[in-house]
């Protein structure tokens, strides 16, 4: 798996700079939030989530 290190943020940075995270998501599609040096969360735009749910139903 290829991981784009530009879309990785720490939990601390996400908490302190949430608007920065959302701007990054708007421009690049998703971010991965790390907690204790391990990937914990993926944040994606809502419309991308909706597309995946619609495709899953088919």
C-alpha atoms as a PDB file:
ATOM      1  CA  UNK A   1       0.000   0.000   0.000  1.00  0.00           C
ATOM      2  CA  UNK A   2       1.281   3.444  -0.897  1.00  0.00           C
ATOM      3  CA  UNK A   3       0.769   6.116   1.763  1.00  0.00           C
ATOM      4  CA  UNK A   4       0.974   9.799   0.912  1.00  0.00           C
ATOM      5  CA  UNK A   5       2.758  11.271   3.929  1.00  0.00           C
ATOM      6  CA  UNK A   6       1.345  14.710   3.111  1.00  0.00           C
ATOM      7  CA  UNK A   7      -2.114  13.602   4.214  1.00  0.00           C
ATOM      8  CA  UNK A   8      -1.017  12.361   7.660  1.00  0.00           C
ATOM      9  CA  UNK A   9      -1.689  14.507  10.716  1.00  0.00           C
ATOM     10  CA  UNK A  10      -1.262  13.884  14.409  1.00  0.00           C
ATOM     11  CA  UNK A  11      -4.220  13.931  16.765  1.00  0.00           C
ATOM     12  CA  UNK A  12      -2.724  16.998  18.440  1.00  0.00           C
ATOM     13  CA  UNK A  13      -2.464  18.882  15.140  1.00  0.00           C
ATOM     14  CA  UNK A  14      -6.012  17.877  14.184  1.00  0.00           C
ATOM     15  CA  UNK A  15      -7.337  19.158  17.511  1.00  0.00           C
ATOM     16  CA  UNK A  16      -5.431  22.429  17.361  1.00  0.00           C
ATOM     17  CA  UNK A  17      -5.869  23.144  13.633  1.00  0.00           C
ATOM     18  CA  UNK A  18      -9.127  21.549  12.561  1.00  0.00           C
ATOM     19  CA  UNK A  19      -9.772  24.231   9.931  1.00  0.00           C
ATOM     20  CA  UNK A  20      -6.387  23.422   8.360  1.00  0.00           C
ATOM     21  CA  UNK A  21      -7.372  19.751   8.238  1.00  0.00           C
ATOM     22  CA  UNK A  22     -10.715  20.522   6.574  1.00  0.00           C
ATOM     23  CA  UNK A  23      -9.038  22.760   3.977  1.00  0.00           C
ATOM     24  CA  UNK A  24      -6.615  19.937   3.210  1.00  0.00           C
ATOM     25  CA  UNK A  25      -9.524  17.502   2.825  1.00  0.00           C
ATOM     26  CA  UNK A  26     -11.316  19.938   0.488  1.00  0.00           C
ATOM     27  CA  UNK A  27      -8.199  20.120  -1.696  1.00  0.00           C
ATOM     28  CA  UNK A  28      -6.913  16.555  -1.489  1.00  0.00           C
ATOM     29  CA  UNK A  29      -9.775  14.247  -0.596  1.00  0.00           C
ATOM     30  CA  UNK A  30      -8.838  12.648   2.712  1.00  0.00           C
ATOM     31  CA  UNK A  31      -6.554  12.707   5.706  1.00  0.00           C
ATOM     32  CA  UNK A  32      -5.288  10.085   8.109  1.00  0.00           C
ATOM     33  CA  UNK A  33      -5.126  11.009  11.778  1.00  0.00           C
ATOM     34  CA  UNK A  34      -2.474   9.275  13.856  1.00  0.00           C
ATOM     35  CA  UNK A  35      -2.780   8.665  17.588  1.00  0.00           C
ATOM     36  CA  UNK A  36       0.200   7.335  19.531  1.00  0.00           C
ATOM     37  CA  UNK A  37       2.126   6.926  16.244  1.00  0.00           C
ATOM     38  CA  UNK A  38      -0.479   4.594  14.743  1.00  0.00           C
ATOM     39  CA  UNK A  39      -3.176   5.336  12.163  1.00  0.00           C
ATOM     40  CA  UNK A  40      -6.455   5.778  14.032  1.00  0.00           C
ATOM     41  CA  UNK A  41      -8.911   7.690  11.799  1.00  0.00           C
ATOM     42  CA  UNK A  42      -9.535   8.513   8.155  1.00  0.00           C
ATOM     43  CA  UNK A  43     -11.564  11.628   7.401  1.00  0.00           C
ATOM     44  CA  UNK A  44     -13.144  11.918   3.962  1.00  0.00           C
ATOM     45  CA  UNK A  45     -15.627  14.393   2.466  1.00  0.00           C
ATOM     46  CA  UNK A  46     -19.282  13.494   3.058  1.00  0.00           C
ATOM     47  CA  UNK A  47     -20.085  13.281  -0.652  1.00  0.00           C
ATOM     48  CA  UNK A  48     -17.322  10.699  -1.128  1.00  0.00           C
ATOM     49  CA  UNK A  49     -18.849   8.659   1.690  1.00  0.00           C
ATOM     50  CA  UNK A  50     -22.275   8.905   0.051  1.00  0.00           C
ATOM     51  CA  UNK A  51     -20.878   7.617  -3.274  1.00  0.00           C
ATOM     52  CA  UNK A  52     -19.326   4.621  -1.524  1.00  0.00           C
ATOM     53  CA  UNK A  53     -22.584   3.840   0.272  1.00  0.00           C
ATOM     54  CA  UNK A  54     -24.593   4.022  -2.965  1.00  0.00           C
ATOM     55  CA  UNK A  55     -22.129   1.706  -4.734  1.00  0.00           C
ATOM     56  CA  UNK A  56     -22.215  -0.689  -1.790  1.00  0.00           C
ATOM     57  CA  UNK A  57     -25.991  -1.022  -2.102  1.00  0.00           C
ATOM     58  CA  UNK A  58     -25.777  -2.119  -5.757  1.00  0.00           C
END
